[in-house]
PDB file of N, CA and C in Angstrom:
ATOM      1  N   MET A   1      95.448  89.207  13.046  1.00  0.00           N
ATOM      2  CA  MET A   1      96.814  89.209  13.532  1.00  0.00           C
ATOM      3  C   MET A   1      97.261  87.759  13.702  1.00  0.00           C
ATOM      4  N   ARG A   2      98.487  87.488  13.384  1.00  0.00           N
ATOM      5  CA  ARG A   2      99.033  86.133  13.462  1.00  0.00           C
ATOM      6  C   ARG A   2      99.888  85.987  14.726  1.00  0.00           C
ATOM      7  N   TYR A   3      99.861  84.784  15.297  1.00  0.00           N
ATOM      8  CA  TYR A   3     100.594  84.487  16.524  1.00  0.00           C
ATOM      9  C   TYR A   3     101.408  83.219  16.341  1.00  0.00           C
ATOM     10  N   GLU A   4     102.612  83.208  16.907  1.00  0.00           N
ATOM     11  CA  GLU A   4     103.451  82.018  16.903  1.00  0.00           C
ATOM     12  C   GLU A   4     103.182  81.239  18.183  1.00  0.00           C
ATOM     13  N   ILE A   5     103.067  79.912  18.074  1.00  0.00           N
ATOM     14  CA  ILE A   5     102.858  79.043  19.226  1.00  0.00           C
ATOM     15  C   ILE A   5     104.182  78.358  19.529  1.00  0.00           C
ATOM     16  N   LEU A   6     104.602  78.433  20.794  1.00  0.00           N
ATOM     17  CA  LEU A   6     105.901  77.900  21.191  1.00  0.00           C
ATOM     18  C   LEU A   6     105.791  76.871  22.303  1.00  0.00           C
ATOM     19  N   THR A   7     106.722  75.920  22.281  1.00  0.00           N
ATOM     20  CA  THR A   7     106.964  75.048  23.413  1.00  0.00           C
ATOM     21  C   THR A   7     108.379  75.385  23.855  1.00  0.00           C
ATOM     22  N   GLY A   8     108.513  75.942  25.037  1.00  0.00           N
ATOM     23  CA  GLY A   8     109.808  76.487  25.447  1.00  0.00           C
ATOM     24  C   GLY A   8     110.156  77.637  24.521  1.00  0.00           C
ATOM     25  N   GLU A   9     111.289  77.548  23.830  1.00  0.00           N
ATOM     26  CA  GLU A   9     111.688  78.587  22.881  1.00  0.00           C
ATOM     27  C   GLU A   9     111.569  78.123  21.433  1.00  0.00           C
ATOM     28  N   ILE A  10     110.940  76.971  21.215  1.00  0.00           N
ATOM     29  CA  ILE A  10     110.817  76.389  19.879  1.00  0.00           C
ATOM     30  C   ILE A  10     109.435  76.689  19.305  1.00  0.00           C
ATOM     31  N   ILE A  11     109.400  77.305  18.124  1.00  0.00           N
ATOM     32  CA  ILE A  11     108.136  77.598  17.451  1.00  0.00           C
ATOM     33  C   ILE A  11     107.622  76.311  16.811  1.00  0.00           C
ATOM     34  N   ILE A  12     106.418  75.888  17.227  1.00  0.00           N
ATOM     35  CA  ILE A  12     105.848  74.666  16.665  1.00  0.00           C
ATOM     36  C   ILE A  12     104.736  74.962  15.663  1.00  0.00           C
ATOM     37  N   GLY A  13     104.343  76.225  15.536  1.00  0.00           N
ATOM     38  CA  GLY A  13     103.312  76.580  14.573  1.00  0.00           C
ATOM     39  C   GLY A  13     102.793  77.981  14.793  1.00  0.00           C
ATOM     40  N   SER A  14     101.698  78.284  14.096  1.00  0.00           N
ATOM     41  CA  SER A  14     101.101  79.611  14.215  1.00  0.00           C
ATOM     42  C   SER A  14      99.587  79.512  14.067  1.00  0.00           C
ATOM     43  N   THR A  15      98.907  80.584  14.428  1.00  0.00           N
ATOM     44  CA  THR A  15      97.457  80.684  14.315  1.00  0.00           C
ATOM     45  C   THR A  15      97.079  82.151  14.187  1.00  0.00           C
ATOM     46  N   GLU A  16      95.842  82.393  13.775  1.00  0.00           N
ATOM     47  CA  GLU A  16      95.330  83.760  13.734  1.00  0.00           C
ATOM     48  C   GLU A  16      94.240  83.984  14.769  1.00  0.00           C
ATOM     49  N   PHE A  17      93.897  82.956  15.550  1.00  0.00           N
ATOM     50  CA  PHE A  17      92.819  83.068  16.544  1.00  0.00           C
ATOM     51  C   PHE A  17      91.619  83.797  15.940  1.00  0.00           C
ATOM     52  N   GLU A  18      91.044  83.187  14.911  1.00  0.00           N
ATOM     53  CA  GLU A  18      89.981  83.822  14.127  1.00  0.00           C
ATOM     54  C   GLU A  18      88.689  84.084  14.892  1.00  0.00           C
ATOM     55  N   SER A  19      88.382  83.272  15.886  1.00  0.00           N
ATOM     56  CA  SER A  19      87.096  83.398  16.570  1.00  0.00           C
ATOM     57  C   SER A  19      87.282  83.296  18.077  1.00  0.00           C
ATOM     58  N   GLY A  20      86.235  83.622  18.787  1.00  0.00           N
ATOM     59  CA  GLY A  20      86.285  83.491  20.235  1.00  0.00           C
ATOM     60  C   GLY A  20      85.050  84.056  20.891  1.00  0.00           C
ATOM     61  N   ASP A  21      85.056  84.022  22.186  1.00  0.00           N
ATOM     62  CA  ASP A  21      83.973  84.566  22.987  1.00  0.00           C
ATOM     63  C   ASP A  21      84.600  85.336  24.143  1.00  0.00           C
ATOM     64  N   PRO A  22      84.780  86.646  23.983  1.00  0.00           N
ATOM     65  CA  PRO A  22      85.425  87.446  25.032  1.00  0.00           C
ATOM     66  C   PRO A  22      84.733  87.346  26.391  1.00  0.00           C
ATOM     67  N   THR A  23      83.408  87.200  26.400  1.00  0.00           N
ATOM     68  CA  THR A  23      82.709  87.107  27.682  1.00  0.00           C
ATOM     69  C   THR A  23      83.055  85.817  28.420  1.00  0.00           C
ATOM     70  N   MET A  24      83.411  84.769  27.679  1.00  0.00           N
ATOM     71  CA  MET A  24      83.817  83.496  28.278  1.00  0.00           C
ATOM     72  C   MET A  24      85.336  83.423  28.437  1.00  0.00           C
ATOM     73  N   GLY A  25      86.051  84.358  27.816  1.00  0.00           N
ATOM     74  CA  GLY A  25      87.504  84.419  27.977  1.00  0.00           C
ATOM     75  C   GLY A  25      88.277  83.418  27.144  1.00  0.00           C
ATOM     76  N   PHE A  26      87.786  83.091  25.938  1.00  0.00           N
ATOM     77  CA  PHE A  26      88.557  82.182  25.104  1.00  0.00           C
ATOM     78  C   PHE A  26      88.552  82.608  23.644  1.00  0.00           C
ATOM     79  N   VAL A  27      89.581  82.159  22.926  1.00  0.00           N
ATOM     80  CA  VAL A  27      89.700  82.353  21.483  1.00  0.00           C
ATOM     81  C   VAL A  27      90.132  81.031  20.865  1.00  0.00           C
ATOM     82  N   PHE A  28      89.896  80.887  19.570  1.00  0.00           N
ATOM     83  CA  PHE A  28      90.359  79.693  18.890  1.00  0.00           C
ATOM     84  C   PHE A  28      90.617  80.009  17.427  1.00  0.00           C
ATOM     85  N   GLY A  29      91.357  79.125  16.784  1.00  0.00           N
ATOM     86  CA  GLY A  29      91.673  79.311  15.376  1.00  0.00           C
ATOM     87  C   GLY A  29      92.399  78.115  14.812  1.00  0.00           C
ATOM     88  N   LYS A  30      92.481  78.075  13.501  1.00  0.00           N
ATOM     89  CA  LYS A  30      93.186  77.000  12.809  1.00  0.00           C
ATOM     90  C   LYS A  30      94.666  77.069  13.159  1.00  0.00           C
ATOM     91  N   PHE A  31      95.262  75.903  13.391  1.00  0.00           N
ATOM     92  CA  PHE A  31      96.680  75.794  13.733  1.00  0.00           C
ATOM     93  C   PHE A  31      97.456  75.413  12.482  1.00  0.00           C
ATOM     94  N   PHE A  32      98.516  76.161  12.201  1.00  0.00           N
ATOM     95  CA  PHE A  32      99.388  75.891  11.062  1.00  0.00           C
ATOM     96  C   PHE A  32     100.720  75.385  11.614  1.00  0.00           C
ATOM     97  N   PRO A  33     100.952  74.063  11.579  1.00  0.00           N
ATOM     98  CA  PRO A  33     102.164  73.507  12.180  1.00  0.00           C
ATOM     99  C   PRO A  33     103.429  73.914  11.427  1.00  0.00           C
ATOM    100  N   SER A  34     104.518  74.073  12.162  1.00  0.00           N
ATOM    101  CA  SER A  34     105.827  74.310  11.544  1.00  0.00           C
ATOM    102  C   SER A  34     106.532  72.963  11.429  1.00  0.00           C
ATOM    103  N   GLU A  35     107.727  72.971  10.883  1.00  0.00           N
ATOM    104  CA  GLU A  35     108.510  71.735  10.746  1.00  0.00           C
ATOM    105  C   GLU A  35     108.917  71.169  12.106  1.00  0.00           C
ATOM    106  N   ASN A  36     108.800  71.968  13.174  1.00  0.00           N
ATOM    107  CA  ASN A  36     109.145  71.519  14.529  1.00  0.00           C
ATOM    108  C   ASN A  36     107.996  70.817  15.238  1.00  0.00           C
ATOM    109  N   TYR A  37     106.792  70.852  14.657  1.00  0.00           N
ATOM    110  CA  TYR A  37     105.622  70.257  15.301  1.00  0.00           C
ATOM    111  C   TYR A  37     105.668  68.733  15.183  1.00  0.00           C
ATOM    112  N   VAL A  38     105.364  68.059  16.288  1.00  0.00           N
ATOM    113  CA  VAL A  38     105.272  66.597  16.319  1.00  0.00           C
ATOM    114  C   VAL A  38     103.811  66.243  16.558  1.00  0.00           C
ATOM    115  N   SER A  39     103.207  65.559  15.599  1.00  0.00           N
ATOM    116  CA  SER A  39     101.798  65.194  15.685  1.00  0.00           C
ATOM    117  C   SER A  39     101.517  64.322  16.899  1.00  0.00           C
ATOM    118  N   ASN A  40     100.414  64.644  17.592  1.00  0.00           N
ATOM    119  CA  ASN A  40      99.922  63.880  18.741  1.00  0.00           C
ATOM    120  C   ASN A  40     100.904  63.788  19.903  1.00  0.00           C
ATOM    121  N   PHE A  41     101.807  64.738  20.019  1.00  0.00           N
ATOM    122  CA  PHE A  41     102.687  64.850  21.181  1.00  0.00           C
ATOM    123  C   PHE A  41     101.907  65.585  22.269  1.00  0.00           C
ATOM    124  N   ASP A  42     102.090  65.218  23.513  1.00  0.00           N
ATOM    125  CA  ASP A  42     101.376  65.846  24.623  1.00  0.00           C
ATOM    126  C   ASP A  42     102.082  67.135  25.041  1.00  0.00           C
ATOM    127  N   TYR A  43     101.837  68.210  24.287  1.00  0.00           N
ATOM    128  CA  TYR A  43     102.461  69.500  24.591  1.00  0.00           C
ATOM    129  C   TYR A  43     101.878  70.076  25.873  1.00  0.00           C
ATOM    130  N   GLN A  44     102.747  70.560  26.742  1.00  0.00           N
ATOM    131  CA  GLN A  44     102.340  71.185  28.003  1.00  0.00           C
ATOM    132  C   GLN A  44     103.018  72.555  28.087  1.00  0.00           C
ATOM    133  N   GLY A  45     102.365  73.508  28.698  1.00  0.00           N
ATOM    134  CA  GLY A  45     102.977  74.816  28.934  1.00  0.00           C
ATOM    135  C   GLY A  45     103.286  75.594  27.670  1.00  0.00           C
ATOM    136  N   LEU A  46     102.403  75.535  26.676  1.00  0.00           N
ATOM    137  CA  LEU A  46     102.619  76.288  25.442  1.00  0.00           C
ATOM    138  C   LEU A  46     102.465  77.783  25.693  1.00  0.00           C
ATOM    139  N   SER A  47     103.117  78.576  24.851  1.00  0.00           N
ATOM    140  CA  SER A  47     102.994  80.031  24.942  1.00  0.00           C
ATOM    141  C   SER A  47     102.794  80.594  23.539  1.00  0.00           C
ATOM    142  N   ALA A  48     102.453  81.886  23.474  1.00  0.00           N
ATOM    143  CA  ALA A  48     102.212  82.538  22.187  1.00  0.00           C
ATOM    144  C   ALA A  48     102.887  83.901  22.154  1.00  0.00           C
ATOM    145  N   LEU A  49     103.385  84.241  20.971  1.00  0.00           N
ATOM    146  CA  LEU A  49     103.979  85.552  20.714  1.00  0.00           C
ATOM    147  C   LEU A  49     103.296  86.177  19.511  1.00  0.00           C
ATOM    148  N   VAL A  50     103.214  87.509  19.475  1.00  0.00           N
ATOM    149  CA  VAL A  50     102.771  88.185  18.268  1.00  0.00           C
ATOM    150  C   VAL A  50     103.781  87.834  17.185  1.00  0.00           C
ATOM    151  N   PHE A  51     103.300  87.392  16.017  1.00  0.00           N
ATOM    152  CA  PHE A  51     104.152  86.904  14.933  1.00  0.00           C
ATOM    153  C   PHE A  51     105.267  87.905  14.599  1.00  0.00           C
ATOM    154  N   GLY A  52     106.487  87.397  14.536  1.00  0.00           N
ATOM    155  CA  GLY A  52     107.633  88.205  14.151  1.00  0.00           C
ATOM    156  C   GLY A  52     108.157  89.129  15.232  1.00  0.00           C
ATOM    157  N   THR A  53     107.653  89.000  16.457  1.00  0.00           N
ATOM    158  CA  THR A  53     108.117  89.847  17.564  1.00  0.00           C
ATOM    159  C   THR A  53     108.453  88.957  18.752  1.00  0.00           C
ATOM    160  N   SER A  54     108.869  89.576  19.830  1.00  0.00           N
ATOM    161  CA  SER A  54     109.068  88.836  21.081  1.00  0.00           C
ATOM    162  C   SER A  54     108.007  89.234  22.106  1.00  0.00           C
ATOM    163  N   GLU A  55     106.886  89.808  21.600  1.00  0.00           N
ATOM    164  CA  GLU A  55     105.799  90.269  22.472  1.00  0.00           C
ATOM    165  C   GLU A  55     104.913  89.094  22.886  1.00  0.00           C
ATOM    166  N   PRO A  56     104.953  88.691  24.163  1.00  0.00           N
ATOM    167  CA  PRO A  56     104.139  87.555  24.614  1.00  0.00           C
ATOM    168  C   PRO A  56     102.662  87.919  24.738  1.00  0.00           C
ATOM    169  N   ILE A  57     101.831  86.919  24.584  1.00  0.00           N
ATOM    170  CA  ILE A  57     100.394  87.055  24.756  1.00  0.00           C
ATOM    171  C   ILE A  57     100.015  86.271  26.011  1.00  0.00           C
ATOM    172  N   ALA A  58      99.238  86.862  26.893  1.00  0.00           N
ATOM    173  CA  ALA A  58      98.851  86.206  28.150  1.00  0.00           C
ATOM    174  C   ALA A  58      97.737  85.196  27.905  1.00  0.00           C
ATOM    175  N   PHE A  59      97.967  83.966  28.335  1.00  0.00           N
ATOM    176  CA  PHE A  59      96.983  82.882  28.232  1.00  0.00           C
ATOM    177  C   PHE A  59      97.009  82.067  29.503  1.00  0.00           C
ATOM    178  N   GLU A  60      95.873  81.522  29.858  1.00  0.00           N
ATOM    179  CA  GLU A  60      95.816  80.545  30.945  1.00  0.00           C
ATOM    180  C   GLU A  60      96.348  79.215  30.429  1.00  0.00           C
ATOM    181  N   SER A  61      95.937  78.850  29.214  1.00  0.00           N
ATOM    182  CA  SER A  61      96.437  77.627  28.595  1.00  0.00           C
ATOM    183  C   SER A  61      96.208  77.688  27.089  1.00  0.00           C
ATOM    184  N   ILE A  62      96.977  76.896  26.358  1.00  0.00           N
ATOM    185  CA  ILE A  62      96.825  76.731  24.912  1.00  0.00           C
ATOM    186  C   ILE A  62      96.709  75.237  24.664  1.00  0.00           C
ATOM    187  N   VAL A  63      95.699  74.850  23.894  1.00  0.00           N
ATOM    188  CA  VAL A  63      95.456  73.442  23.593  1.00  0.00           C
ATOM    189  C   VAL A  63      95.434  73.260  22.080  1.00  0.00           C
ATOM    190  N   ILE A  64      96.114  72.230  21.595  1.00  0.00           N
ATOM    191  CA  ILE A  64      96.071  71.875  20.175  1.00  0.00           C
ATOM    192  C   ILE A  64      95.274  70.587  20.049  1.00  0.00           C
ATOM    193  N   GLU A  65      94.184  70.643  19.297  1.00  0.00           N
ATOM    194  CA  GLU A  65      93.381  69.448  19.041  1.00  0.00           C
ATOM    195  C   GLU A  65      93.837  68.876  17.701  1.00  0.00           C
ATOM    196  N   ASP A  66      94.564  67.777  17.747  1.00  0.00           N
ATOM    197  CA  ASP A  66      95.174  67.184  16.568  1.00  0.00           C
ATOM    198  C   ASP A  66      94.464  65.873  16.226  1.00  0.00           C
ATOM    199  N   TYR A  67      93.677  65.895  15.158  1.00  0.00           N
ATOM    200  CA  TYR A  67      92.963  64.705  14.701  1.00  0.00           C
ATOM    201  C   TYR A  67      93.566  64.168  13.402  1.00  0.00           C
ATOM    202  N   SER A  68      94.826  64.498  13.150  1.00  0.00           N
ATOM    203  CA  SER A  68      95.448  64.126  11.881  1.00  0.00           C
ATOM    204  C   SER A  68      95.586  62.619  11.690  1.00  0.00           C
ATOM    205  N   GLU A  69      95.755  61.860  12.762  1.00  0.00           N
ATOM    206  CA  GLU A  69      95.856  60.404  12.610  1.00  0.00           C
ATOM    207  C   GLU A  69      94.564  59.821  12.065  1.00  0.00           C
ATOM    208  N   GLN A  70      93.421  60.340  12.510  1.00  0.00           N
ATOM    209  CA  GLN A  70      92.131  59.812  12.078  1.00  0.00           C
ATOM    210  C   GLN A  70      91.678  60.384  10.742  1.00  0.00           C
ATOM    211  N   PHE A  71      91.939  61.693  10.497  1.00  0.00           N
ATOM    212  CA  PHE A  71      91.316  62.362   9.367  1.00  0.00           C
ATOM    213  C   PHE A  71      92.283  63.035   8.399  1.00  0.00           C
ATOM    214  N   GLY A  72      93.583  62.986   8.649  1.00  0.00           N
ATOM    215  CA  GLY A  72      94.556  63.631   7.763  1.00  0.00           C
ATOM    216  C   GLY A  72      95.025  64.962   8.304  1.00  0.00           C
ATOM    217  N   GLU A  73      96.067  65.477   7.670  1.00  0.00           N
ATOM    218  CA  GLU A  73      96.743  66.692   8.156  1.00  0.00           C
ATOM    219  C   GLU A  73      95.857  67.924   8.219  1.00  0.00           C
ATOM    220  N   GLU A  74      94.777  67.979   7.433  1.00  0.00           N
ATOM    221  CA  GLU A  74      93.934  69.185   7.381  1.00  0.00           C
ATOM    222  C   GLU A  74      93.221  69.475   8.684  1.00  0.00           C
ATOM    223  N   VAL A  75      93.164  68.531   9.613  1.00  0.00           N
ATOM    224  CA  VAL A  75      92.355  68.720  10.817  1.00  0.00           C
ATOM    225  C   VAL A  75      93.176  68.854  12.087  1.00  0.00           C
ATOM    226  N   ILE A  76      94.353  69.430  11.985  1.00  0.00           N
ATOM    227  CA  ILE A  76      95.156  69.717  13.174  1.00  0.00           C
ATOM    228  C   ILE A  76      94.595  70.976  13.798  1.00  0.00           C
TER     229      ILE A  76
END
């Protein structure tokens, strides 16, 4: 399932949360930035929606690890 990542009401990208550890309470996945994404910006208070809907997903926090400055766009 695909999810949109938002800052406020602006979609900055998407992910599929391919892996995780339910017993530890976390998931992770490759981030696909949209044209609204700003590399290495300190995003705070991100949220997620089921792709193409307004259905929110409950998270404690969302973190984007962006290493594009060091290694290129493939490692956001």
